[in-house]
Amino acid sequence: MLLLILGFSSLVTLISTAAQLYVDYHRDVVAIESRLNEIERGSLDSIAVSLWNVDIEYLRLQLEGLLRLPDMQSLEVREMGEGLRSPITLVMGDPAAPHVISRTMPLTRTDERGTRQLGVMVATASLDGVYSRLADRVALILLSQFIKTLIVSAFIFYIVHMVVTRHITAIAAHFRTMGTDAGSPPLKLARRERRDELTDLVDSFNALTVNLHESYAQVSRSNAGLEAAQTLAARRAVKLEEANGELRRLAMVTAHHLQEPLRPMTVNAQRIQRRLADGDTDLAEWCASITDGTAHLGALLRDFQRYVAALTEEPRPGVCDMTEIAAQARARALERIGGEARIDLSPLPVLTADQRMISQVLDELFDNALRHARPGVPPWIGVSAARGEECWQFTVSDNGPGFDAGMVDKVLVVFEVTHGRAPDHTGLGLPMCRAILRAHGGRIAIEASPSGGVVRFSLPADMAAT
C-alpha cells in the first residue's frame, strides 16, 4: 500500500514539476526578450553615435557593459553603407554558442537630411543559464517533493494502518480461528468505542457468524435426520428384498404344491370322460367342467408365479435388439398357434434393457392377440416403433375384436377378463406386462378401437444403446 501511495505521489510530483518548469522556462525566456527590448530602446542611439564618430574604444566599452547583463552571450556591430572601404565590425563575446536567442537591431542616425542606417547590431542571449537554473530548480523540487511525499505517505500509511488495516487483519485472524460451534467468542476490535463504518462491519460479521452457527446446527440436525432416515431406509430395503425373495419363493412353492394334486385330478377326469363317452351326458359335462377348472387353476398358478416375479425382480439391463427379440417372439407364437397367422415387424431400435423381461412382454402381447382372434379371419399382428422426445413408443396392433371404451380401464387390472372366460384366460398377462415396463421406467396403454386391438408401450429414450 505504501508503494502505491509513493508511486501515485511521485506521478503527481512529476506532473506538477513539469508544469512548474514550463512556467519558469517561459518566464525566463520572456525576461530575456524584455532585456533585448530594453537594449533596443535604451542603447541603440548611443551605439549609433559612437559608430558615426568612429569611436571604437567607447563603442567597445558600451558593448562590454551590455555583455554584463544577465544571459547575454555576444554583441556584434557591423557598419553598413555605400562607398565604405573598410566597414567597422566589432564582435564582443562568443556568437557561435548553441541554445541562443538572437535579435538583429538597426543602427540609424537622423539629421537634417533625414534618417539613414549606419549599420546593425546583432544581440545574442544564451539559454544555458536558463537551462542551468531549471536543472537546479528540478533537483531542488524533486528532492523536496520526494521528502514531502515520503513523509506524507508514511503518515498516511500509519493513519490507515491504525484506523483500518490492523482491524482488517484482526477480522481476518478472527475468521481463520472461528469454529463451527456456537461457543466461539464474538468479534471485537481493540479500539475505543465509537460508531463508524468498522463498527457496522463488526456488527454485520457477528450477525453473520450467529446465522452461520444456527444454519450449521440446523444442517447438522438435518444430516443426522437424513442419516437416520437412510439407515432406516437401508434396513427397510433389506427387509423388503428379503420379503420379495420370500414372496417369490412362496409363489414358486405354492404353485408347485398346488399343481401337484391338479395333475392326477386332470388325468383321472380325462379317464372318466373316456369311460363315459357313451354314457350319462350330465356326468360327462361334470367331468369336462372339472377338467376345465383344473386347467384354469393351473394357468392361474403359472401366470401368478410369473406376475409375482415381474413385481419383485429387478431388471438386468443389457443390449436388447428389439427387432431380433420380436422375431424370436413371433417364431414362438406361430409355433404355439400352429395355424395360419401373419406377424409383420417394422424396423425396431436397439435398447438397453432386460432381454428376458422384454421377451415376456412381446410373448404375452402376441399370445393375447392370437387368443382373441376373430373366428374365420386369419390373425394379423403388426409391430412398429417411433422415437419421441424422451422415449421410444412401440405399437402392437391386430385385426381382432379390439377394445371398447369400457374395457380399456379393466384389461390392466389383475384377474380381469374381458373377452369371455377360457381355461387359459387368467387376467394376469397384461398386468404382468405393465409391471415389467414400469420396472424399466416405461408405460403401457390400451386404445379403445372396435376395429382391432391397439396396445402401446414405451421405454425411456435414454436407455437406447448407441
Protein backbone atom coordinates (compact mmCIF):
# COMPACT_ATOMS: atom_id res chain seq x y z
CA MET A 1 0.00 0.00 0.00
CA LEU A 2 2.87 2.33 0.82
CA LEU A 3 4.38 1.68 -2.60
CA LEU A 4 1.08 2.60 -4.26
CA ILE A 5 0.92 5.84 -2.29
CA LEU A 6 4.54 6.64 -3.17
CA GLY A 7 4.00 5.81 -6.82
CA PHE A 8 0.91 7.97 -7.13
CA SER A 9 2.51 10.83 -5.21
CA SER A 10 5.62 10.63 -7.40
CA LEU A 11 3.48 10.76 -10.52
CA VAL A 12 1.67 13.83 -9.23
CA THR A 13 5.04 15.36 -8.30
CA LEU A 14 6.46 14.78 -11.77
CA ILE A 15 3.42 16.31 -13.45
CA SER A 16 3.40 19.36 -11.17
CA THR A 17 7.18 19.76 -11.53
CA ALA A 18 6.94 19.63 -15.32
CA ALA A 19 4.21 22.27 -15.27
CA GLN A 20 6.22 24.49 -12.94
CA LEU A 21 9.37 24.10 -15.06
CA TYR A 22 7.45 25.07 -18.16
CA VAL A 23 6.18 28.21 -16.42
CA ASP A 24 9.69 29.08 -15.18
CA TYR A 25 11.21 28.49 -18.62
CA HIS A 26 8.62 30.69 -20.25
CA ARG A 27 9.20 33.39 -17.63
CA ASP A 28 12.98 33.33 -18.17
CA VAL A 29 12.57 33.49 -21.95
CA VAL A 30 10.19 36.43 -21.57
CA ALA A 31 12.77 38.10 -19.29
CA ILE A 32 15.47 37.68 -21.98
CA GLU A 33 13.15 39.10 -24.62
CA SER A 34 12.38 42.04 -22.32
CA ARG A 35 16.11 42.62 -21.80
CA LEU A 36 16.70 42.69 -25.55
CA ASN A 37 13.83 45.13 -25.86
CA GLU A 38 15.45 47.39 -23.23
CA ILE A 39 18.77 47.27 -25.12
CA GLU A 40 16.96 48.19 -28.31
CA ARG A 41 15.15 51.06 -26.67
CA GLY A 42 17.92 52.45 -24.45
CA SER A 43 21.30 51.73 -26.06
CA LEU A 44 20.93 51.78 -29.85
CA ASP A 45 21.10 55.56 -30.18
CA SER A 46 24.34 55.94 -28.19
CA ILE A 47 25.90 52.98 -30.03
CA ALA A 48 24.87 54.58 -33.36
CA VAL A 49 26.58 57.85 -32.29
CA SER A 50 29.76 56.00 -31.37
CA LEU A 51 29.68 54.22 -34.70
CA TRP A 52 29.10 57.54 -36.54
CA ASN A 53 32.02 59.14 -34.71
CA VAL A 54 34.14 56.05 -35.29
CA ASP A 55 34.87 55.96 -31.56
CA ILE A 56 35.90 52.35 -31.38
CA GLU A 57 37.07 52.43 -27.77
CA TYR A 58 33.89 53.93 -26.48
CA LEU A 59 31.89 51.54 -28.64
CA ARG A 60 33.82 48.66 -27.12
CA LEU A 61 33.10 49.95 -23.61
CA GLN A 62 29.42 50.17 -24.44
CA LEU A 63 29.28 46.61 -25.73
CA GLU A 64 31.22 45.30 -22.72
CA GLY A 65 28.72 46.98 -20.44
CA LEU A 66 25.80 45.37 -22.26
CA LEU A 67 27.51 41.95 -22.14
CA ARG A 68 27.44 42.14 -18.35
CA LEU A 69 23.67 41.95 -18.45
CA PRO A 70 22.29 38.53 -17.39
CA ASP A 71 22.25 35.80 -20.06
CA MET A 72 23.89 37.99 -22.74
CA GLN A 73 26.17 35.83 -24.92
CA SER A 74 27.53 38.14 -27.63
CA LEU A 75 27.14 41.54 -29.31
CA GLU A 76 28.21 42.33 -32.85
CA VAL A 77 28.21 45.76 -34.52
CA ARG A 78 28.60 45.93 -38.30
CA GLU A 79 28.91 49.20 -40.22
CA MET A 80 26.89 49.40 -43.41
CA GLY A 81 26.76 51.92 -46.20
CA GLU A 82 27.82 52.67 -49.74
CA GLY A 83 31.38 53.64 -50.54
CA LEU A 84 32.89 52.25 -47.33
CA ARG A 85 36.33 50.85 -47.99
CA SER A 86 36.76 49.04 -44.66
CA PRO A 87 33.49 48.91 -42.74
CA ILE A 88 33.79 48.62 -38.99
CA THR A 89 32.92 45.23 -37.47
CA LEU A 90 33.20 44.78 -33.72
CA VAL A 91 32.33 41.47 -32.05
CA MET A 92 32.19 41.02 -28.29
CA GLY A 93 31.53 37.56 -26.77
CA ASP A 94 31.01 34.17 -28.47
CA PRO A 95 28.32 34.32 -31.17
CA ALA A 96 28.79 30.62 -32.10
CA ALA A 97 27.42 29.24 -28.80
CA PRO A 98 24.37 26.91 -29.02
CA HIS A 99 20.97 27.48 -27.42
CA VAL A 100 20.67 31.19 -28.03
CA ILE A 101 18.08 33.84 -28.77
CA SER A 102 19.35 36.28 -31.39
CA ARG A 103 17.97 39.63 -32.50
CA THR A 104 19.21 42.00 -35.22
CA MET A 105 18.76 45.71 -34.41
CA PRO A 106 19.27 48.51 -36.98
CA LEU A 107 21.63 51.40 -36.07
CA THR A 108 20.30 54.66 -37.57
CA ARG A 109 21.14 58.39 -37.50
CA THR A 110 18.70 61.20 -38.07
CA ASP A 111 19.83 64.68 -39.19
CA GLU A 112 18.60 67.44 -41.47
CA ARG A 113 18.98 65.13 -44.42
CA GLY A 114 16.72 62.53 -42.83
CA THR A 115 17.18 59.10 -41.27
CA ARG A 116 19.75 56.75 -42.61
CA GLN A 117 21.02 53.37 -41.45
CA LEU A 118 24.60 53.25 -40.29
CA GLY A 119 24.74 49.52 -39.60
CA VAL A 120 23.24 46.78 -37.47
CA MET A 121 23.85 45.31 -34.05
CA VAL A 122 23.22 41.61 -33.52
CA ALA A 123 22.45 40.85 -29.85
CA THR A 124 22.60 37.19 -28.81
CA ALA A 125 21.34 35.91 -25.44
CA SER A 126 22.25 32.40 -24.22
CA LEU A 127 19.73 29.91 -22.85
CA ASP A 128 22.41 27.99 -20.97
CA GLY A 129 21.77 29.99 -17.86
CA VAL A 130 18.06 29.30 -18.19
CA TYR A 131 18.74 25.59 -18.53
CA SER A 132 21.15 25.63 -15.61
CA ARG A 133 18.65 27.38 -13.37
CA LEU A 134 15.95 24.93 -14.50
CA ALA A 135 18.22 21.97 -13.70
CA ASP A 136 18.94 23.34 -10.24
CA ARG A 137 15.26 24.00 -9.74
CA VAL A 138 14.37 20.47 -10.91
CA ALA A 139 16.79 18.89 -8.46
CA LEU A 140 15.53 21.06 -5.63
CA ILE A 141 11.86 20.49 -6.44
CA LEU A 142 12.26 16.75 -6.87
CA LEU A 143 14.23 16.39 -3.67
CA SER A 144 11.81 18.49 -1.66
CA GLN A 145 8.79 16.81 -3.21
CA PHE A 146 10.27 13.35 -2.62
CA ILE A 147 10.93 14.12 1.02
CA LYS A 148 7.49 15.64 1.41
CA THR A 149 5.85 12.72 -0.41
CA LEU A 150 7.74 10.19 1.68
CA ILE A 151 6.73 11.89 4.90
CA VAL A 152 3.10 12.30 3.83
CA SER A 153 2.93 8.73 2.52
CA ALA A 154 4.38 7.34 5.73
CA PHE A 155 1.92 9.39 7.73
CA ILE A 156 -1.00 8.25 5.56
CA PHE A 157 0.18 4.65 5.82
CA TYR A 158 0.39 4.97 9.59
CA ILE A 159 -3.05 6.52 9.83
CA VAL A 160 -4.58 3.90 7.50
CA HIS A 161 -2.86 1.13 9.43
CA MET A 162 -4.04 2.40 12.77
CA VAL A 163 -7.58 3.17 11.63
CA VAL A 164 -8.28 0.41 9.08
CA THR A 165 -5.58 -2.11 8.18
CA ARG A 166 -4.83 -3.54 11.61
CA HIS A 167 -8.52 -4.02 12.27
CA ILE A 168 -8.99 -5.80 8.94
CA THR A 169 -6.07 -8.06 9.89
CA ALA A 170 -7.74 -8.74 13.23
CA ILE A 171 -11.03 -9.56 11.46
CA ALA A 172 -9.24 -11.98 9.11
CA ALA A 173 -7.44 -13.65 12.04
CA HIS A 174 -10.75 -13.99 13.91
CA PHE A 175 -12.41 -15.73 10.98
CA ARG A 176 -9.42 -18.03 10.46
CA THR A 177 -9.77 -19.30 14.03
CA MET A 178 -13.58 -19.26 14.15
CA GLY A 179 -15.06 -22.68 14.88
CA THR A 180 -18.33 -24.19 13.78
CA ASP A 181 -19.78 -24.39 17.29
CA ALA A 182 -21.90 -21.63 18.76
CA GLY A 183 -19.43 -21.12 21.63
CA SER A 184 -16.98 -19.04 19.60
CA PRO A 185 -16.48 -15.54 21.07
CA PRO A 186 -17.86 -12.62 19.06
CA LEU A 187 -15.56 -10.38 17.05
CA LYS A 188 -14.34 -7.32 18.95
CA LEU A 189 -11.78 -4.75 17.78
CA ALA A 190 -9.07 -3.35 20.07
CA ARG A 191 -10.01 0.33 19.87
CA ARG A 192 -12.07 2.97 21.59
CA GLU A 193 -15.81 2.63 21.31
CA ARG A 194 -17.19 4.76 18.50
CA ARG A 195 -19.83 4.37 15.86
CA ASP A 196 -18.43 4.26 12.33
CA GLU A 197 -18.17 2.00 9.29
CA LEU A 198 -15.92 -0.51 11.08
CA THR A 199 -18.47 -0.81 13.88
CA ASP A 200 -21.17 -1.59 11.31
CA LEU A 201 -18.84 -4.12 9.68
CA VAL A 202 -18.13 -5.85 13.00
CA ASP A 203 -21.84 -5.96 13.85
CA SER A 204 -22.59 -7.44 10.43
CA PHE A 205 -19.84 -10.05 10.85
CA ASN A 206 -21.12 -11.02 14.29
CA ALA A 207 -24.67 -11.31 12.99
CA LEU A 208 -23.39 -13.37 10.07
CA THR A 209 -21.49 -15.61 12.50
CA VAL A 210 -24.61 -16.20 14.57
CA ASN A 211 -26.61 -17.02 11.44
CA LEU A 212 -23.87 -19.36 10.21
CA HIS A 213 -23.78 -21.18 13.54
CA GLU A 214 -27.56 -21.54 13.52
CA SER A 215 -27.53 -22.72 9.91
CA TYR A 216 -24.72 -25.17 10.66
CA ALA A 217 -26.63 -26.53 13.64
CA GLN A 218 -29.75 -26.87 11.51
CA VAL A 219 -27.78 -28.62 8.76
CA SER A 220 -26.21 -30.91 11.35
CA ARG A 221 -29.63 -31.80 12.69
CA SER A 222 -30.89 -32.34 9.15
CA ASN A 223 -27.88 -34.51 8.34
CA ALA A 224 -28.45 -36.54 11.47
CA GLY A 225 -32.09 -36.97 10.47
CA LEU A 226 -31.06 -37.91 6.95
CA GLU A 227 -28.54 -40.42 8.24
CA ALA A 228 -31.19 -41.93 10.48
CA ALA A 229 -33.64 -41.98 7.58
CA GLN A 230 -31.02 -43.54 5.32
CA THR A 231 -30.25 -46.16 7.92
CA LEU A 232 -33.95 -46.88 8.34
CA ALA A 233 -34.45 -46.94 4.56
CA ALA A 234 -31.50 -49.30 4.18
CA ARG A 235 -32.92 -51.62 6.83
CA ARG A 236 -36.34 -51.48 5.21
CA ALA A 237 -34.80 -52.07 1.79
CA VAL A 238 -33.08 -55.16 3.15
CA LYS A 239 -36.31 -56.31 4.73
CA LEU A 240 -38.20 -55.55 1.52
CA GLU A 241 -35.68 -57.51 -0.51
CA GLU A 242 -35.96 -60.37 1.94
CA ALA A 243 -39.76 -60.13 1.77
CA ASN A 244 -39.66 -60.10 -2.04
CA GLY A 245 -37.42 -63.14 -2.00
CA GLU A 246 -39.75 -64.91 0.39
CA LEU A 247 -42.70 -63.88 -1.77
CA ARG A 248 -41.04 -65.27 -4.88
CA ARG A 249 -40.17 -68.50 -3.09
CA LEU A 250 -43.68 -68.70 -1.65
CA ALA A 251 -45.22 -68.20 -5.09
CA MET A 252 -43.00 -70.88 -6.61
CA VAL A 253 -43.59 -73.35 -3.79
CA THR A 254 -47.31 -72.61 -3.71
CA ALA A 255 -47.64 -73.03 -7.46
CA HIS A 256 -45.62 -76.23 -7.34
CA HIS A 257 -47.56 -77.77 -4.46
CA LEU A 258 -50.95 -76.70 -5.81
CA GLN A 259 -50.16 -78.01 -9.26
CA GLU A 260 -49.17 -81.44 -7.90
CA PRO A 261 -52.76 -82.51 -6.99
CA LEU A 262 -54.06 -80.88 -10.19
CA ARG A 263 -52.18 -83.30 -12.41
CA PRO A 264 -53.79 -86.54 -11.11
CA MET A 265 -57.15 -84.77 -10.91
CA THR A 266 -56.89 -83.77 -14.56
CA VAL A 267 -55.69 -87.22 -15.64
CA ASN A 268 -58.42 -89.01 -13.71
CA ALA A 269 -61.11 -86.63 -15.00
CA GLN A 270 -59.97 -87.33 -18.56
CA ARG A 271 -60.06 -91.08 -17.89
CA ILE A 272 -63.59 -90.81 -16.55
CA GLN A 273 -64.59 -88.84 -19.66
CA ARG A 274 -63.23 -91.56 -21.92
CA ARG A 275 -65.03 -94.27 -19.93
CA LEU A 276 -68.27 -92.30 -20.05
CA ALA A 277 -68.05 -91.32 -23.69
CA ASP A 278 -71.18 -93.32 -24.49
CA GLY A 279 -72.81 -92.99 -21.08
CA ASP A 280 -74.50 -90.33 -18.97
CA THR A 281 -74.41 -86.89 -20.62
CA ASP A 282 -74.65 -84.93 -17.37
CA LEU A 283 -71.80 -86.88 -15.84
CA ALA A 284 -69.67 -86.18 -18.92
CA GLU A 285 -70.37 -82.44 -18.60
CA TRP A 286 -69.43 -82.53 -14.95
CA CYS A 287 -66.16 -84.25 -15.79
CA ALA A 288 -65.49 -81.66 -18.54
CA SER A 289 -66.13 -78.89 -16.03
CA ILE A 290 -63.67 -80.49 -13.63
CA THR A 291 -61.07 -80.72 -16.43
CA ASP A 292 -61.56 -77.07 -17.45
CA GLY A 293 -61.40 -75.95 -13.84
CA THR A 294 -58.17 -77.75 -13.15
CA ALA A 295 -56.69 -76.40 -16.41
CA HIS A 296 -57.76 -72.87 -15.46
CA LEU A 297 -56.35 -73.27 -11.96
CA GLY A 298 -53.06 -74.48 -13.43
CA ALA A 299 -52.94 -71.46 -15.77
CA LEU A 300 -53.70 -69.16 -12.84
CA LEU A 301 -50.89 -70.65 -10.79
CA ARG A 302 -48.47 -70.38 -13.72
CA ASP A 303 -49.36 -66.77 -14.51
CA PHE A 304 -49.48 -65.82 -10.83
CA GLN A 305 -45.91 -67.05 -10.45
CA ARG A 306 -44.84 -65.01 -13.49
CA TYR A 307 -46.71 -61.92 -12.22
CA VAL A 308 -45.07 -62.09 -8.77
CA ALA A 309 -41.67 -62.45 -10.43
CA ALA A 310 -42.37 -59.37 -12.58
CA LEU A 311 -43.32 -57.38 -9.46
CA THR A 312 -40.33 -58.37 -7.35
CA GLU A 313 -37.41 -58.85 -9.75
CA GLU A 314 -35.09 -56.00 -10.71
CA PRO A 315 -34.26 -55.70 -14.43
CA ARG A 316 -30.77 -56.70 -15.51
CA PRO A 317 -30.01 -54.18 -18.29
CA GLY A 318 -28.10 -55.30 -21.34
CA VAL A 319 -28.01 -54.73 -25.08
CA CYS A 320 -31.51 -55.51 -26.31
CA ASP A 321 -32.09 -55.68 -30.09
CA MET A 322 -35.86 -55.22 -30.29
CA THR A 323 -36.01 -56.44 -33.90
CA GLU A 324 -34.33 -59.74 -33.01
CA ILE A 325 -36.38 -60.19 -29.83
CA ALA A 326 -39.64 -59.51 -31.71
CA ALA A 327 -38.63 -62.00 -34.43
CA GLN A 328 -37.97 -64.69 -31.81
CA ALA A 329 -41.29 -63.95 -30.10
CA ARG A 330 -43.02 -64.17 -33.50
CA ALA A 331 -41.49 -67.62 -34.13
CA ARG A 332 -42.63 -68.87 -30.73
CA ALA A 333 -46.15 -67.50 -31.21
CA LEU A 334 -46.56 -69.05 -34.67
CA GLU A 335 -45.27 -72.36 -33.34
CA ARG A 336 -47.77 -72.31 -30.47
CA ILE A 337 -50.78 -71.42 -32.60
CA GLY A 338 -49.93 -73.98 -35.25
CA GLY A 339 -52.20 -72.28 -37.75
CA GLU A 340 -52.27 -69.53 -40.31
CA ALA A 341 -51.26 -66.16 -38.92
CA ARG A 342 -49.15 -63.18 -40.02
CA ILE A 343 -46.95 -61.01 -37.79
CA ASP A 344 -45.33 -58.01 -39.51
CA LEU A 345 -42.33 -56.34 -37.87
CA SER A 346 -41.15 -52.83 -38.73
CA PRO A 347 -37.53 -51.83 -38.01
CA LEU A 348 -37.14 -51.57 -34.23
CA PRO A 349 -34.40 -49.87 -32.16
CA VAL A 350 -31.64 -51.33 -30.05
CA LEU A 351 -32.15 -50.62 -26.35
CA THR A 352 -30.50 -51.22 -23.03
CA ALA A 353 -33.00 -53.38 -21.14
CA ASP A 354 -33.58 -56.82 -19.61
CA GLN A 355 -33.89 -59.02 -22.69
CA ARG A 356 -35.73 -61.83 -20.87
CA MET A 357 -38.35 -59.48 -19.43
CA ILE A 358 -38.94 -57.66 -22.73
CA SER A 359 -39.32 -61.07 -24.41
CA GLN A 360 -42.04 -61.93 -21.88
CA VAL A 361 -43.87 -58.69 -22.77
CA LEU A 362 -43.86 -59.45 -26.51
CA ASP A 363 -44.79 -63.10 -25.91
CA GLU A 364 -47.80 -62.06 -23.86
CA LEU A 365 -48.94 -59.37 -26.33
CA PHE A 366 -48.66 -61.78 -29.28
CA ASP A 367 -50.43 -64.61 -27.40
CA ASN A 368 -53.16 -62.24 -26.22
CA ALA A 369 -53.82 -61.06 -29.79
CA LEU A 370 -53.85 -64.62 -31.17
CA ARG A 371 -56.13 -65.96 -28.40
CA HIS A 372 -58.74 -63.31 -29.17
CA ALA A 373 -58.62 -63.55 -32.98
CA ARG A 374 -61.91 -63.19 -34.89
CA PRO A 375 -63.40 -66.54 -35.87
CA GLY A 376 -62.84 -67.34 -39.53
CA VAL A 377 -60.39 -64.42 -40.01
CA PRO A 378 -56.66 -65.18 -40.35
CA PRO A 379 -54.94 -63.41 -37.44
CA TRP A 380 -52.67 -60.43 -38.20
CA ILE A 381 -50.32 -58.57 -35.85
CA GLY A 382 -48.19 -55.51 -36.64
CA VAL A 383 -45.32 -54.14 -34.55
CA SER A 384 -43.76 -50.67 -35.08
CA ALA A 385 -41.76 -48.08 -33.12
CA ALA A 386 -41.43 -44.29 -33.20
CA ARG A 387 -38.91 -42.04 -31.44
CA GLY A 388 -40.35 -39.42 -29.09
CA GLU A 389 -38.63 -36.64 -27.18
CA GLU A 390 -37.98 -38.75 -24.08
CA CYS A 391 -38.97 -42.30 -25.03
CA TRP A 392 -39.41 -44.90 -27.73
CA GLN A 393 -43.10 -45.57 -28.40
CA PHE A 394 -43.93 -49.14 -29.52
CA THR A 395 -47.28 -50.06 -31.08
CA VAL A 396 -48.66 -53.62 -31.26
CA SER A 397 -51.87 -53.72 -33.33
CA ASP A 398 -54.01 -56.63 -34.55
CA ASN A 399 -57.19 -57.35 -36.52
CA GLY A 400 -59.01 -58.87 -33.57
CA PRO A 401 -62.23 -57.66 -31.91
CA GLY A 402 -60.43 -54.73 -30.28
CA PHE A 403 -61.45 -52.97 -27.09
CA ASP A 404 -64.40 -50.71 -26.44
CA ALA A 405 -64.17 -47.68 -24.15
CA GLY A 406 -65.43 -49.64 -21.16
CA MET A 407 -62.67 -52.24 -21.43
CA VAL A 408 -59.51 -50.10 -21.58
CA ASP A 409 -59.52 -49.41 -17.84
CA LYS A 410 -60.19 -53.06 -16.93
CA VAL A 411 -57.76 -55.08 -19.02
CA LEU A 412 -54.76 -53.92 -16.96
CA VAL A 413 -56.43 -54.86 -13.66
CA VAL A 414 -55.38 -58.16 -12.10
CA PHE A 415 -57.73 -61.11 -12.86
CA GLU A 416 -59.96 -59.00 -15.14
CA VAL A 417 -61.05 -60.96 -18.25
CA THR A 418 -62.89 -59.01 -20.94
CA HIS A 419 -63.45 -61.42 -23.83
CA GLY A 420 -65.08 -64.36 -22.09
CA ARG A 421 -63.54 -66.95 -19.83
CA ALA A 422 -61.47 -69.89 -21.02
CA PRO A 423 -59.12 -72.18 -19.13
CA ASP A 424 -56.06 -70.20 -20.30
CA HIS A 425 -57.62 -66.75 -19.68
CA THR A 426 -56.21 -65.70 -16.30
CA GLY A 427 -56.33 -61.88 -16.40
CA LEU A 428 -52.66 -61.69 -15.35
CA GLY A 429 -50.88 -61.33 -18.70
CA LEU A 430 -51.32 -57.59 -19.34
CA PRO A 431 -50.79 -56.67 -15.64
CA MET A 432 -47.51 -58.62 -15.83
CA CYS A 433 -46.52 -56.53 -18.92
CA ARG A 434 -47.33 -53.34 -17.01
CA ALA A 435 -45.17 -54.43 -14.04
CA ILE A 436 -42.19 -55.25 -16.31
CA LEU A 437 -42.44 -51.95 -18.23
CA ARG A 438 -42.77 -49.94 -15.01
CA ALA A 439 -39.61 -51.59 -13.71
CA HIS A 440 -37.86 -50.26 -16.85
CA GLY A 441 -39.31 -46.75 -16.43
CA GLY A 442 -41.85 -47.23 -19.23
CA ARG A 443 -45.64 -47.37 -19.53
CA ILE A 444 -48.34 -49.36 -21.29
CA ALA A 445 -51.74 -48.18 -22.55
CA ILE A 446 -54.70 -49.77 -24.33
CA GLU A 447 -56.56 -47.83 -27.01
CA ALA A 448 -60.30 -48.18 -27.50
CA SER A 449 -60.89 -49.41 -31.05
CA PRO A 450 -63.65 -51.83 -32.20
CA SER A 451 -61.82 -52.49 -35.48
CA GLY A 452 -58.77 -54.11 -33.90
CA GLY A 453 -56.64 -54.18 -30.80
CA VAL A 454 -54.02 -51.46 -30.28
CA VAL A 455 -51.53 -51.70 -27.40
CA ARG A 456 -48.86 -49.03 -26.96
CA PHE A 457 -45.92 -49.29 -24.60
CA SER A 458 -42.90 -47.06 -24.11
CA LEU A 459 -39.31 -47.32 -22.92
CA PRO A 460 -37.13 -44.31 -21.99
CA ALA A 461 -35.03 -42.96 -24.84
CA ASP A 462 -32.01 -42.58 -22.58
CA MET A 463 -31.92 -46.37 -22.34
CA ALA A 464 -31.26 -46.58 -26.08
CA ALA A 465 -27.94 -48.25 -26.90
CA THR A 466 -25.59 -46.24 -29.10
